[in-house]
Amino acid sequence: MKDYEMNGEFESQQKQVRHYLLQGNSITPLEALNLCNSLRLSAIIFKLREEGLPIVTEKLQVSPRKRVANYYLPKDYLETLNQ
């Protein structure tokens, strides 16, 4: 187990990202840095998927030669949670 996972910081960041996604928001690595001071969004997303969240990844073109990952929960999944 890595140090960042053992000290609880990773779990706290994971909870923040989970809550943010469950509110219907999408998140990019830059937004994760601002939201929860995390540079490891892909690791958080991996763990949340292991928990069963059906997180979708889309690539956003931010410049002619650069793309970033954008993660979100499908609307139909969010609707089933709100029923």
Protein backbone atom coordinates (compact mmCIF):
# COMPACT_ATOMS: atom_id res chain seq x y z
CA MET A 1 0.00 0.00 0.00
CA LYS A 2 1.32 3.44 -0.88
CA ASP A 3 1.86 6.19 1.69
CA TYR A 4 -0.85 8.45 0.29
CA GLU A 5 -3.38 5.63 0.67
CA MET A 6 -2.35 4.78 4.22
CA ASN A 7 -2.68 8.28 5.65
CA GLY A 8 -6.31 8.73 4.68
CA GLU A 9 -5.69 11.62 2.31
CA PHE A 10 -6.46 9.46 -0.71
CA GLU A 11 -9.75 8.28 0.83
CA SER A 12 -10.73 11.87 1.59
CA GLN A 13 -10.00 12.92 -1.98
CA GLN A 14 -11.93 9.89 -3.21
CA LYS A 15 -14.96 10.90 -1.12
CA GLN A 16 -14.81 14.45 -2.46
CA VAL A 17 -14.66 13.27 -6.08
CA ARG A 18 -17.46 10.71 -5.49
CA HIS A 19 -19.70 13.38 -3.98
CA TYR A 20 -18.89 15.81 -6.80
CA LEU A 21 -19.77 13.24 -9.48
CA LEU A 22 -22.95 12.14 -7.71
CA GLN A 23 -24.13 15.76 -7.82
CA GLY A 24 -24.13 15.44 -11.62
CA ASN A 25 -20.86 17.23 -12.28
CA SER A 26 -18.09 16.15 -14.60
CA ILE A 27 -14.46 16.47 -13.56
CA THR A 28 -11.10 16.93 -15.28
CA PRO A 29 -7.65 16.59 -13.71
CA LEU A 30 -7.35 20.37 -13.35
CA GLU A 31 -10.73 20.53 -11.59
CA ALA A 32 -9.64 17.72 -9.26
CA LEU A 33 -6.52 19.68 -8.40
CA ASN A 34 -8.67 22.69 -7.49
CA LEU A 35 -11.40 20.66 -5.75
CA CYS A 36 -9.37 18.33 -3.56
CA ASN A 37 -5.70 19.08 -4.23
CA SER A 38 -5.28 15.80 -6.12
CA LEU A 39 -2.85 15.11 -8.91
CA ARG A 40 -4.03 11.46 -9.12
CA LEU A 41 -7.55 11.72 -10.53
CA SER A 42 -7.14 8.64 -12.71
CA ALA A 43 -6.27 6.57 -9.61
CA ILE A 44 -9.33 7.92 -7.80
CA ILE A 45 -11.54 7.11 -10.80
CA PHE A 46 -10.09 3.59 -10.92
CA LYS A 47 -11.00 3.03 -7.25
CA LEU A 48 -14.51 4.46 -7.71
CA ARG A 49 -15.07 2.14 -10.66
CA GLU A 50 -13.96 -0.78 -8.48
CA GLU A 51 -16.70 0.30 -6.04
CA GLY A 52 -19.22 -0.03 -8.85
CA LEU A 53 -19.70 3.52 -10.10
CA PRO A 54 -20.23 3.47 -13.89
CA ILE A 55 -17.96 6.44 -14.60
CA VAL A 56 -17.65 7.41 -18.27
CA THR A 57 -14.45 8.87 -19.71
CA GLU A 58 -14.44 11.27 -22.62
CA LYS A 59 -11.45 13.01 -24.13
CA LEU A 60 -11.75 16.77 -24.49
CA GLN A 61 -9.69 18.51 -27.18
CA VAL A 62 -8.19 21.54 -25.41
CA SER A 63 -5.77 22.52 -28.18
CA PRO A 64 -4.86 21.13 -31.59
CA ARG A 65 -2.39 18.70 -30.04
CA LYS A 66 -3.66 18.24 -26.50
CA ARG A 67 -6.56 16.29 -25.02
CA VAL A 68 -7.57 15.79 -21.40
CA ALA A 69 -9.82 13.24 -19.75
CA ASN A 70 -13.23 14.33 -18.53
CA TYR A 71 -15.09 11.95 -16.20
CA TYR A 72 -18.80 11.86 -15.42
CA LEU A 73 -21.66 9.60 -14.36
CA PRO A 74 -24.34 8.85 -16.97
CA LYS A 75 -27.59 10.78 -16.51
CA ASP A 76 -29.70 7.62 -16.44
CA TYR A 77 -27.59 6.31 -13.53
CA LEU A 78 -28.03 9.58 -11.63
CA GLU A 79 -31.78 9.49 -12.30
CA THR A 80 -32.09 6.00 -10.80
CA LEU A 81 -30.37 7.27 -7.64
CA ASN A 82 -32.81 10.16 -7.33
CA GLN A 83 -35.93 7.98 -7.51
